Amino acid sequence: MADRYELEALIDAGGLGSVWRALDRHSGEVVAVKTCDCSSGTDQMFGQRFVAESRYLAAISDPGVVPLLGYGYDEPIAWSAMPLL
């Protein structure tokens, strides 16, 4: 993911995507990365919405909300990274 996060192990998968244990190559920290495969035509719009929602979430700073470390859309995969809790 963005040449920064190396996916190591699948934590769980559901209808909209998967959550992975990943290594942040820049900091050396273990993080969680949520991915969504947006390879079909209708899902491409979902990928764009996923990134837009991630942008809004990244702007929130509150102790009750897990901070977003990064996000992107490496077509066809939309992704977001957060601390692994």
Protein backbone atom coordinates (compact mmCIF):
# COMPACT_ATOMS: atom_id res chain seq x y z
CA MET A 1 0.00 0.00 0.00
CA ALA A 2 1.62 3.18 -1.23
CA ASP A 3 5.03 1.46 -0.96
CA ARG A 4 4.77 2.03 2.80
CA TYR A 5 2.62 -0.72 4.35
CA GLU A 6 3.59 -4.36 3.91
CA LEU A 7 0.65 -6.71 4.48
CA GLU A 8 1.72 -9.56 6.77
CA ALA A 9 -1.35 -11.54 7.89
CA LEU A 10 -5.09 -11.46 7.31
CA ILE A 11 -6.97 -10.58 10.52
CA ASP A 12 -10.53 -10.83 9.17
CA ALA A 13 -12.56 -10.46 5.98
CA GLY A 14 -16.14 -9.42 5.37
CA GLY A 15 -18.51 -8.36 2.63
CA LEU A 16 -16.86 -5.00 1.96
CA GLY A 17 -13.20 -5.78 2.50
CA SER A 18 -10.45 -7.22 4.64
CA VAL A 19 -8.37 -6.12 7.62
CA TRP A 20 -4.69 -7.01 7.64
CA ARG A 21 -1.86 -6.90 10.14
CA ALA A 22 0.81 -4.87 8.34
CA LEU A 23 4.26 -3.40 8.86
CA ASP A 24 4.80 0.34 8.41
CA ARG A 25 8.12 0.33 6.56
CA HIS A 26 8.83 3.96 7.53
CA SER A 27 8.34 3.68 11.30
CA GLY A 28 8.77 -0.08 11.82
CA GLU A 29 5.44 -0.18 13.71
CA VAL A 30 2.82 -2.88 13.30
CA VAL A 31 -0.48 -1.39 12.07
CA ALA A 32 -3.88 -2.47 10.79
CA VAL A 33 -4.72 -1.91 7.12
CA LYS A 34 -8.29 -2.14 5.86
CA THR A 35 -8.57 -2.96 2.15
CA CYS A 36 -11.42 -2.94 -0.33
CA ASP A 37 -11.10 -4.56 -3.78
CA CYS A 38 -12.82 -2.20 -6.20
CA SER A 39 -12.09 -4.03 -9.45
CA SER A 40 -15.60 -4.14 -10.95
CA GLY A 41 -17.18 -1.08 -12.61
CA THR A 42 -19.71 -0.31 -9.88
CA ASP A 43 -17.13 -0.86 -7.16
CA GLN A 44 -14.83 1.81 -8.62
CA MET A 45 -17.27 4.44 -7.35
CA PHE A 46 -17.15 2.74 -3.95
CA GLY A 47 -13.35 3.08 -3.97
CA GLN A 48 -13.61 6.80 -4.56
CA ARG A 49 -16.16 7.13 -1.73
CA PHE A 50 -13.92 5.02 0.54
CA VAL A 51 -11.06 7.48 -0.01
CA ALA A 52 -13.33 10.51 0.48
CA GLU A 53 -14.64 9.09 3.78
CA SER A 54 -11.06 8.33 4.86
CA ARG A 55 -10.10 11.94 4.15
CA TYR A 56 -12.89 13.14 6.47
CA LEU A 57 -11.97 10.61 9.15
CA ALA A 58 -8.32 11.70 9.01
CA ALA A 59 -9.41 15.22 9.96
CA ILE A 60 -11.04 14.02 13.22
CA SER A 61 -8.95 14.19 16.37
CA ASP A 62 -10.72 12.79 19.41
CA PRO A 63 -9.65 10.31 22.10
CA GLY A 64 -12.70 8.18 21.27
CA VAL A 65 -11.78 7.78 17.59
CA VAL A 66 -8.93 5.61 16.27
CA PRO A 67 -6.60 7.91 14.30
CA LEU A 68 -6.06 7.27 10.61
CA LEU A 69 -2.37 6.96 9.73
CA GLY A 70 -2.81 6.93 5.97
CA TYR A 71 -5.19 6.10 3.14
CA GLY A 72 -5.22 5.79 -0.60
CA TYR A 73 -6.49 4.15 -3.74
CA ASP A 74 -3.90 1.97 -5.46
CA GLU A 75 -6.31 0.87 -8.19
CA PRO A 76 -8.12 -1.45 -7.80
CA ILE A 77 -7.50 -1.48 -4.02
CA ALA A 78 -8.78 1.27 -1.69
CA TRP A 79 -7.09 1.16 1.72
CA SER A 80 -6.74 2.88 5.07
CA ALA A 81 -4.15 2.35 7.81
CA MET A 82 -4.61 2.77 11.56
CA PRO A 83 -2.93 1.64 14.75
CA LEU A 84 -3.36 -2.05 15.50
CA LEU A 85 -5.24 -2.18 18.79
